[in-house]
């Protein structure tokens, strides 16, 4: 059965999880460690656009997108066609042994879309964490300095370096030590909770960087323009430009980690464009190849060119099948006007979430850009986080056929990462389910 035949609607036909999912979960428990956790143990059989179909025939509206990966939609026709053609031509050669055009084409797309004047270079790797690792090592090579600065509430990955860069130790770093050295965690801008203007928050961050980290020892500042796991925190106006100006004045490489926020998700190809900043390096992953593994470091030629031949790359980095898929994604950003679709989703979801916030005082804030929206949940009449309510609402929505994810270092944020194929009707259905879940839990 073609995935194109999946009707774009939610359907619940069994318990959640259903009997076949429960059977598969028992098989899984015998061979997969519990550290590989699943948010919702329903086992997916097929998917298309915004709908997941599990092995029991239940259909879920997917507001997680594999945590921001299927931005263009599940099994997008153009992506599948491009990947299939590549799969039938060549599956692997290793670009650093015998190269191929599709890798070069991805780099050309990134050179066009990453903000900033002048020549740009790209190295392709496999995952967001690998992109972060390579961005850091390129910055260290360019500056000759060891220090890495990040912001509070950040999330950058699960490798040794990136798990050290994360704000939250558990579950990403706890017990897996030793952690990497020369990593400094500076205060960030969190308007809902710090009440600071962009200039005030930037002054606080810069003071920390100068007094605690030491500008002369810093290779780079790695910033998520909109924090992902940290709770979709959108910094105050002027915050990121002030940090970028400070970095340039002090020879610190400004790295925009766009692993979750990039590739048309926020209404621009990269979220950093909306803050008036031209980064030195940009990190891409997740949505770049429509569901296939690919990531990239793109930056100013004078920085990227410092690595010696053989210093960058990896066995599977820039796999030809993934590159073909990525080129199909970039072609559709323009041909299908995906940026307008992201803005449409921001308008529809944003309006609906603000209506819910007016109805339920436990929703302290609606924030985000494009198809990267969130609500922060607190206890009534306070700013005290309420992660338990979030967990119950998400669980209730799952039983109704809507997949939601939490976020925030305290788990009190519900985030929305739908595909850009999410229709207005599906968005309205998600909002109705969310309304019902809050009403039931607060009754």
Protein backbone atom coordinates (compact mmCIF):
# COMPACT_ATOMS: atom_id res chain seq x y z
CA UNK A 1 0.00 0.00 0.00
CA UNK A 2 1.39 3.42 -0.98
CA UNK A 3 1.96 5.93 1.79
CA UNK A 4 0.12 8.45 -0.38
CA UNK A 5 -3.09 6.60 0.51
CA UNK A 6 -2.80 7.56 4.19
CA UNK A 7 -5.72 9.85 4.92
CA UNK A 8 -4.55 12.93 6.80
CA UNK A 9 -6.65 12.47 9.92
CA UNK A 10 -6.24 10.91 13.36
CA UNK A 11 -7.86 7.58 14.08
CA UNK A 12 -7.80 5.58 17.30
CA UNK A 13 -8.95 2.00 16.76
CA UNK A 14 -7.28 0.15 19.67
CA UNK A 15 -5.90 0.90 23.09
CA UNK A 16 -2.73 3.03 23.04
CA UNK A 17 -0.39 1.23 22.75
CA UNK A 18 -2.29 -1.48 20.92
CA UNK A 19 -1.75 -5.23 21.18
CA UNK A 20 0.78 -5.52 18.35
CA UNK A 21 2.78 -2.59 19.72
CA UNK A 22 2.73 -4.20 23.15
CA UNK A 23 3.99 -7.46 21.66
CA UNK A 24 6.80 -5.64 19.84
CA UNK A 25 7.68 -3.77 22.99
CA UNK A 26 8.19 -7.03 24.85
CA UNK A 27 10.51 -8.24 22.08
CA UNK A 28 12.36 -4.94 22.27
CA UNK A 29 12.88 -5.19 26.03
CA UNK A 30 14.74 -8.45 25.51
CA UNK A 31 17.32 -6.98 23.13
CA UNK A 32 17.40 -3.15 23.50
CA UNK A 33 18.72 -1.46 26.67
CA UNK A 34 16.41 0.87 28.64
CA UNK A 35 18.79 3.76 27.99
CA UNK A 36 17.32 3.84 24.47
CA UNK A 37 14.01 5.21 25.66
CA UNK A 38 10.86 5.87 23.62
CA UNK A 39 8.44 8.67 24.50
CA UNK A 40 5.44 6.72 23.22
CA UNK A 41 5.92 2.96 22.63
CA UNK A 42 3.63 2.67 19.64
CA UNK A 43 5.47 0.97 16.81
CA UNK A 44 5.15 2.78 13.49
CA UNK A 45 4.40 0.90 10.30
CA UNK A 46 3.90 3.73 7.80
CA UNK A 47 3.85 7.51 7.68
CA UNK A 48 3.08 10.31 5.25
CA UNK A 49 2.98 14.10 5.58
CA UNK A 50 1.71 14.71 9.15
CA UNK A 51 0.31 11.27 10.01
CA UNK A 52 1.98 8.26 11.66
CA UNK A 53 0.25 4.87 11.32
CA UNK A 54 1.17 2.27 13.91
CA UNK A 55 1.19 -1.52 13.55
CA UNK A 56 -2.31 -1.67 15.07
CA UNK A 57 -3.79 0.76 12.55
CA UNK A 58 -3.97 3.80 14.84
CA UNK A 59 -3.23 7.12 13.13
CA UNK A 60 -1.45 9.88 15.05
CA UNK A 61 -1.09 13.54 14.17
CA UNK A 62 2.66 13.96 14.52
CA UNK A 63 3.62 17.19 16.30
CA UNK A 64 7.13 15.95 17.05
CA UNK A 65 8.48 15.17 13.60
CA UNK A 66 11.18 12.88 14.95
CA UNK A 67 12.18 15.94 17.02
CA UNK A 68 12.25 18.33 14.11
CA UNK A 69 13.54 15.98 11.41
CA UNK A 70 10.57 15.52 9.07
CA UNK A 71 10.02 19.23 8.51
CA UNK A 72 9.13 18.62 4.90
CA UNK A 73 6.71 15.84 5.87
CA UNK A 74 6.98 12.09 6.26
CA UNK A 75 7.88 10.18 3.07
CA UNK A 76 7.77 13.35 0.99
CA UNK A 77 7.33 12.31 -2.63
CA UNK A 78 10.25 14.34 -4.01
CA UNK A 79 12.60 13.20 -1.24
CA UNK A 80 11.65 9.54 -1.71
CA UNK A 81 12.09 9.81 -5.48
CA UNK A 82 15.51 11.47 -5.18
CA UNK A 83 16.74 9.02 -2.55
CA UNK A 84 15.43 6.03 -4.53
CA UNK A 85 17.22 7.17 -7.68
CA UNK A 86 20.44 7.66 -5.72
CA UNK A 87 20.06 4.29 -4.02
CA UNK A 88 19.85 2.63 -7.42
CA UNK A 89 22.98 4.46 -8.62
CA UNK A 90 25.50 4.46 -5.78
CA UNK A 91 25.09 3.83 -2.06
CA UNK A 92 28.59 4.72 -0.87
CA UNK A 93 32.08 5.58 -2.05
CA UNK A 94 33.25 7.90 0.76
CA UNK A 95 33.53 11.46 -0.51
CA UNK A 96 37.08 11.81 0.81
CA UNK A 97 38.15 8.86 -1.38
CA UNK A 98 36.14 9.28 -4.59
CA UNK A 99 33.72 12.24 -4.56
CA UNK A 100 30.36 12.80 -6.25
CA UNK A 101 28.28 15.75 -7.43
CA UNK A 102 25.40 15.51 -4.94
CA UNK A 103 27.69 16.43 -2.00
CA UNK A 104 28.91 19.48 -3.89
CA UNK A 105 25.32 20.46 -4.68
CA UNK A 106 24.32 20.35 -1.00
CA UNK A 107 27.29 22.59 -0.20
CA UNK A 108 26.18 24.99 -2.94
CA UNK A 109 22.67 25.17 -1.48
CA UNK A 110 24.08 25.89 1.98
CA UNK A 111 26.45 28.55 0.63
CA UNK A 112 23.43 30.24 -0.93
CA UNK A 113 21.15 30.10 2.12
CA UNK A 114 23.44 30.50 5.15
CA UNK A 115 23.40 34.22 5.99
CA UNK A 116 26.52 36.29 5.46
CA UNK A 117 28.53 37.75 2.61
CA UNK A 118 31.62 36.23 1.06
CA UNK A 119 32.62 32.71 0.19
CA UNK A 120 31.43 29.84 2.36
CA UNK A 121 32.53 26.25 2.73
CA UNK A 122 30.67 23.18 4.01
CA UNK A 123 31.68 19.84 5.50
CA UNK A 124 28.98 17.17 5.67
CA UNK A 125 28.73 14.76 8.59
CA UNK A 126 26.09 12.43 10.05
CA UNK A 127 24.35 14.00 13.05
CA UNK A 128 23.75 17.23 14.93
CA UNK A 129 26.18 16.27 17.68
CA UNK A 130 28.84 15.50 15.09
CA UNK A 131 28.24 18.90 13.49
CA UNK A 132 28.73 20.58 16.88
CA UNK A 133 31.94 18.63 17.51
CA UNK A 134 33.32 19.62 14.11
CA UNK A 135 32.27 23.24 14.50
CA UNK A 136 34.13 23.42 17.80
CA UNK A 137 37.28 21.80 16.48
CA UNK A 138 37.33 24.10 13.43
CA UNK A 139 36.93 27.14 15.71
CA UNK A 140 39.76 25.89 17.93
CA UNK A 141 41.99 25.36 14.91
CA UNK A 142 41.21 28.83 13.55
CA UNK A 143 41.71 30.72 16.82
CA UNK A 144 44.35 28.57 18.48
CA UNK A 145 42.28 28.77 21.66
CA UNK A 146 40.71 25.96 23.73
CA UNK A 147 37.61 27.47 25.38
CA UNK A 148 34.02 26.72 24.37
CA UNK A 149 31.17 28.90 25.65
CA UNK A 150 27.51 27.93 25.60
CA UNK A 151 24.33 29.31 27.15
CA UNK A 152 22.21 28.11 30.04
CA UNK A 153 19.34 25.79 29.01
CA UNK A 154 21.34 24.70 25.94
CA UNK A 155 21.23 21.28 24.35
CA UNK A 156 23.89 20.23 21.84
CA UNK A 157 24.02 16.42 21.81
CA UNK A 158 25.00 13.17 23.50
CA UNK A 159 28.71 12.78 22.69
CA UNK A 160 31.25 13.46 25.43
CA UNK A 161 31.87 17.08 24.37
CA UNK A 162 28.27 17.92 23.49
CA UNK A 163 26.82 16.32 26.61
CA UNK A 164 29.22 18.50 28.59
CA UNK A 165 27.95 21.53 26.66
CA UNK A 166 24.35 20.72 27.59
CA UNK A 167 22.79 22.60 30.48
CA UNK A 168 21.11 19.53 31.92
CA UNK A 169 23.26 16.64 33.16
CA UNK A 170 20.56 13.98 33.43
CA UNK A 171 19.99 11.96 31.39
CA UNK A 172 22.62 13.00 28.87
CA UNK A 173 25.81 13.09 30.92
CA UNK A 174 25.06 11.75 34.41
CA UNK A 175 27.27 8.77 35.17
CA UNK A 176 29.04 8.88 31.81
CA UNK A 177 32.05 10.92 32.94
CA UNK A 178 34.62 12.25 32.80
CA UNK A 179 33.21 15.26 31.01
CA UNK A 180 35.12 17.46 28.59
CA UNK A 181 37.08 20.43 29.86
CA UNK A 182 37.22 24.09 28.84
CA UNK A 183 33.44 24.41 28.54
CA UNK A 184 31.78 27.49 30.08
CA UNK A 185 28.03 27.93 30.59
CA UNK A 186 26.97 31.56 30.51
CA UNK A 187 23.60 33.05 31.50
CA UNK A 188 21.22 33.40 28.58
CA UNK A 189 18.20 35.53 27.71
CA UNK A 190 14.92 34.03 28.97
CA UNK A 191 12.43 36.92 28.84
CA UNK A 192 9.60 35.15 30.67
CA UNK A 193 11.79 34.37 33.67
CA UNK A 194 14.54 36.98 33.81
CA UNK A 195 12.56 40.07 32.80
CA UNK A 196 15.63 41.55 31.12
CA UNK A 197 15.84 43.48 27.89
CA UNK A 198 18.11 42.12 25.19
CA UNK A 199 20.79 44.66 26.06
CA UNK A 200 20.60 43.85 29.77
CA UNK A 201 20.72 40.10 29.21
CA UNK A 202 23.63 40.48 26.79
CA UNK A 203 25.56 42.57 29.31
CA UNK A 204 25.08 39.81 31.89
CA UNK A 205 26.26 37.12 29.47
CA UNK A 206 29.26 39.14 28.33
CA UNK A 207 30.30 39.88 31.92
CA UNK A 208 30.34 36.15 32.60
CA UNK A 209 32.33 35.42 29.45
CA UNK A 210 34.91 38.05 30.28
CA UNK A 211 35.24 37.40 34.00
CA UNK A 212 34.78 33.63 34.22
CA UNK A 213 35.75 32.21 30.84
CA UNK A 214 38.22 34.88 29.70
CA UNK A 215 37.76 36.19 26.17
CA UNK A 216 41.40 35.57 25.29
CA UNK A 217 40.94 31.83 25.92
CA UNK A 218 37.64 31.38 24.07
CA UNK A 219 37.57 29.73 20.66
CA UNK A 220 33.83 30.00 20.16
CA UNK A 221 30.41 30.82 21.53
CA UNK A 222 27.83 28.22 20.45
CA UNK A 223 24.27 29.55 20.48
CA UNK A 224 20.91 28.07 19.53
CA UNK A 225 18.99 31.06 18.07
CA UNK A 226 15.86 29.46 19.53
CA UNK A 227 16.73 26.89 22.16
CA UNK A 228 15.31 23.44 21.48
CA UNK A 229 15.44 21.02 24.39
CA UNK A 230 15.81 24.06 26.64
CA UNK A 231 12.17 24.96 26.04
CA UNK A 232 12.00 26.86 22.73
CA UNK A 233 13.33 29.93 24.50
CA UNK A 234 13.31 32.94 22.15
CA UNK A 235 15.86 35.55 23.28
CA UNK A 236 14.91 39.19 23.81
CA UNK A 237 15.38 41.61 20.91
CA UNK A 238 18.97 42.75 20.55
CA UNK A 239 20.46 39.94 22.63
CA UNK A 240 22.03 37.85 19.86
CA UNK A 241 23.36 40.84 17.85
CA UNK A 242 25.10 42.13 20.99
CA UNK A 243 26.74 38.74 21.56
CA UNK A 244 27.80 38.51 17.91
CA UNK A 245 29.33 42.00 18.06
CA UNK A 246 31.24 41.05 21.21
CA UNK A 247 32.51 37.87 19.58
CA UNK A 248 33.80 39.75 16.54
CA UNK A 249 35.50 42.35 18.71
CA UNK A 250 37.25 39.64 20.73
CA UNK A 251 38.17 37.15 18.01
CA UNK A 252 35.67 34.57 19.23
CA UNK A 253 33.94 32.45 16.57
CA UNK A 254 30.14 32.87 16.76
CA UNK A 255 28.49 29.53 15.98
CA UNK A 256 24.74 29.27 15.36
CA UNK A 257 23.51 25.79 16.27
CA UNK A 258 20.55 25.47 13.89
CA UNK A 259 20.22 21.72 14.23
CA UNK A 260 16.61 22.01 15.43
CA UNK A 261 15.64 25.49 14.25
CA UNK A 262 17.10 25.45 10.74
CA UNK A 263 16.01 24.38 7.25
CA UNK A 264 12.81 26.44 6.84
CA UNK A 265 11.26 25.49 10.17
CA UNK A 266 10.89 29.01 11.58
CA UNK A 267 9.78 30.86 8.45
CA UNK A 268 13.29 31.64 7.26
CA UNK A 269 15.77 29.05 6.04
CA UNK A 270 17.76 29.63 9.24
CA UNK A 271 16.29 31.13 12.40
CA UNK A 272 19.34 33.34 12.97
CA UNK A 273 18.23 35.45 9.98
CA UNK A 274 15.32 36.75 12.07
CA UNK A 275 17.71 38.19 14.66
CA UNK A 276 19.85 40.21 12.26
CA UNK A 277 23.03 38.21 12.84
CA UNK A 278 25.53 36.80 10.35
CA UNK A 279 27.22 33.89 12.15
CA UNK A 280 30.75 32.74 11.49
CA UNK A 281 29.63 29.10 11.39
CA UNK A 282 26.17 27.53 11.07
CA UNK A 283 25.36 23.97 12.09
CA UNK A 284 22.60 22.07 10.25
CA UNK A 285 21.08 18.62 10.73
CA UNK A 286 17.64 17.12 11.49
CA UNK A 287 15.39 18.55 8.73
CA UNK A 288 18.13 18.89 6.13
CA UNK A 289 17.56 15.56 4.37
CA UNK A 290 13.88 14.86 4.90
CA UNK A 291 14.40 12.01 7.36
CA UNK A 292 17.74 10.63 6.21
CA UNK A 293 20.90 11.08 8.33
CA UNK A 294 22.90 14.15 7.32
CA UNK A 295 24.41 17.17 9.05
CA UNK A 296 26.62 20.06 8.06
CA UNK A 297 29.03 22.72 9.24
CA UNK A 298 28.93 25.77 6.97
CA UNK A 299 30.95 28.90 7.47
CA UNK A 300 33.21 31.66 6.31
CA UNK A 301 35.88 30.33 3.97
CA UNK A 302 38.78 31.78 5.96
CA UNK A 303 37.64 29.81 9.02
CA UNK A 304 36.67 26.58 7.28
CA UNK A 305 39.84 26.46 5.18
CA UNK A 306 42.20 26.22 8.18
CA UNK A 307 41.73 22.46 8.57
CA UNK A 308 44.50 20.41 6.98
CA UNK A 309 43.63 17.85 4.27
CA UNK A 310 42.19 14.80 5.98
CA UNK A 311 41.32 16.75 9.11
CA UNK A 312 37.60 16.82 8.32
CA UNK A 313 35.18 14.15 7.15
CA UNK A 314 34.12 10.67 8.16
CA UNK A 315 33.14 7.34 6.67
CA UNK A 316 29.45 8.06 6.15
CA UNK A 317 29.49 11.87 6.21
CA UNK A 318 27.71 13.20 3.13
CA UNK A 319 26.39 9.80 2.03
CA UNK A 320 25.15 10.09 -1.59
CA UNK A 321 21.62 8.90 -0.79
CA UNK A 322 21.27 11.43 2.03
CA UNK A 323 22.74 14.16 -0.18
CA UNK A 324 20.20 13.43 -2.91
CA UNK A 325 17.41 13.74 -0.36
CA UNK A 326 18.84 17.01 0.96
CA UNK A 327 18.98 18.51 -2.51
CA UNK A 328 15.30 17.64 -2.96
CA UNK A 329 14.53 19.43 0.32
CA UNK A 330 16.37 22.59 -0.72
CA UNK A 331 14.69 22.58 -4.13
CA UNK A 332 11.27 22.45 -2.46
CA UNK A 333 12.07 25.25 -0.02
CA UNK A 334 11.80 27.53 -3.04
CA UNK A 335 9.47 25.68 -5.41
CA UNK A 336 6.85 24.80 -2.76
CA UNK A 337 7.27 28.07 -0.82
CA UNK A 338 7.95 26.22 2.42
CA UNK A 339 8.82 29.44 4.24
CA UNK A 340 5.25 30.65 3.72
CA UNK A 341 3.96 27.32 5.02
CA UNK A 342 5.98 27.74 8.22
CA UNK A 343 4.54 31.21 8.70
CA UNK A 344 1.03 29.86 8.10
CA UNK A 345 1.51 27.25 10.79
CA UNK A 346 2.85 29.89 13.19
CA UNK A 347 -0.28 31.96 12.59
CA UNK A 348 -2.75 29.08 12.96
CA UNK A 349 -1.07 27.32 15.87
CA UNK A 350 -0.08 30.55 17.55
CA UNK A 351 -3.59 31.98 17.47
CA UNK A 352 -5.01 28.73 18.80
CA UNK A 353 -2.45 28.41 21.58
CA UNK A 354 -2.98 32.01 22.64
CA UNK A 355 -6.72 31.30 22.88
CA UNK A 356 -5.93 28.35 25.15
CA UNK A 357 -3.63 30.55 27.24
CA UNK A 358 -6.49 32.99 27.74
CA UNK A 359 -8.68 30.10 28.85
CA UNK A 360 -6.19 28.29 31.13
CA UNK A 361 -4.05 30.40 33.46
CA UNK A 362 -1.58 27.53 33.80
CA UNK A 363 -0.21 28.48 30.37
CA UNK A 364 2.28 31.19 31.26
CA UNK A 365 3.51 31.91 27.76
CA UNK A 366 3.09 31.02 24.10
CA UNK A 367 6.33 31.45 22.18
CA UNK A 368 8.26 30.39 19.11
CA UNK A 369 8.51 31.08 15.41
CA UNK A 370 7.12 29.27 12.40
CA UNK A 371 6.50 25.58 12.97
CA UNK A 372 8.55 25.72 16.17
CA UNK A 373 6.04 26.74 18.83
CA UNK A 374 5.70 26.04 22.54
CA UNK A 375 3.69 26.73 25.66
CA UNK A 376 5.21 26.96 29.13
CA UNK A 377 3.05 25.47 31.89
CA UNK A 378 3.05 26.62 35.53
CA UNK A 379 1.00 26.08 38.65
CA UNK A 380 -2.06 28.37 38.91
CA UNK A 381 -1.29 31.87 40.13
CA UNK A 382 2.48 31.27 40.25
CA UNK A 383 5.52 30.91 38.03
CA UNK A 384 6.33 27.55 39.59
CA UNK A 385 6.90 24.92 36.93
CA UNK A 386 4.38 22.11 36.55
CA UNK A 387 6.05 19.23 34.74
CA UNK A 388 3.53 16.73 36.10
CA UNK A 389 0.64 18.52 34.41
CA UNK A 390 2.59 18.59 31.16
CA UNK A 391 3.20 14.84 31.38
CA UNK A 392 -0.48 14.15 32.01
CA UNK A 393 -1.64 16.38 29.17
CA UNK A 394 0.82 14.77 26.74
CA UNK A 395 -0.27 11.28 27.83
CA UNK A 396 -3.95 12.16 27.44
CA UNK A 397 -3.32 13.64 23.98
CA UNK A 398 -1.51 10.45 22.94
CA UNK A 399 -4.54 8.39 23.91
CA UNK A 400 -6.57 10.61 21.57
CA UNK A 401 -4.11 10.23 18.69
CA UNK A 402 -1.93 13.33 18.96
CA UNK A 403 1.81 12.97 19.51
CA UNK A 404 3.28 15.82 21.56
CA UNK A 405 6.69 16.29 23.18
CA UNK A 406 7.82 18.10 26.29
CA UNK A 407 10.87 20.34 26.63
CA UNK A 408 12.55 22.72 29.07
CA UNK A 409 15.11 21.80 31.70
CA UNK A 410 12.25 21.14 34.13
CA UNK A 411 10.01 19.42 31.57
CA UNK A 412 7.23 22.00 31.91
CA UNK A 413 7.06 23.04 28.25
CA UNK A 414 4.97 21.45 25.51
CA UNK A 415 6.63 21.92 22.15
CA UNK A 416 5.20 21.66 18.67
CA UNK A 417 7.43 20.58 15.77
CA UNK A 418 4.90 19.61 13.09
CA UNK A 419 5.78 19.11 9.47
CA UNK A 420 5.13 21.98 7.11
CA UNK A 421 2.44 19.76 5.56
CA UNK A 422 0.27 20.19 8.66
CA UNK A 423 -3.07 21.43 7.33
CA UNK A 424 -5.20 24.03 9.05
CA UNK A 425 -7.75 21.29 9.74
CA UNK A 426 -5.16 19.08 11.44
CA UNK A 427 -3.87 22.05 13.45
CA UNK A 428 -7.42 22.77 14.62
CA UNK A 429 -7.81 19.12 15.61
CA UNK A 430 -4.56 19.22 17.61
CA UNK A 431 -5.76 22.34 19.41
CA UNK A 432 -9.12 20.73 20.18
CA UNK A 433 -7.44 17.66 21.65
CA UNK A 434 -5.13 19.87 23.70
CA UNK A 435 -8.10 21.89 24.95
CA UNK A 436 -9.88 18.70 26.00
CA UNK A 437 -6.76 17.40 27.74
CA UNK A 438 -6.27 20.58 29.78
CA UNK A 439 -9.96 20.71 30.65
CA UNK A 440 -9.92 17.12 31.88
CA UNK A 441 -6.72 17.47 33.89
CA UNK A 442 -7.74 20.77 35.51
CA UNK A 443 -11.31 19.73 36.31
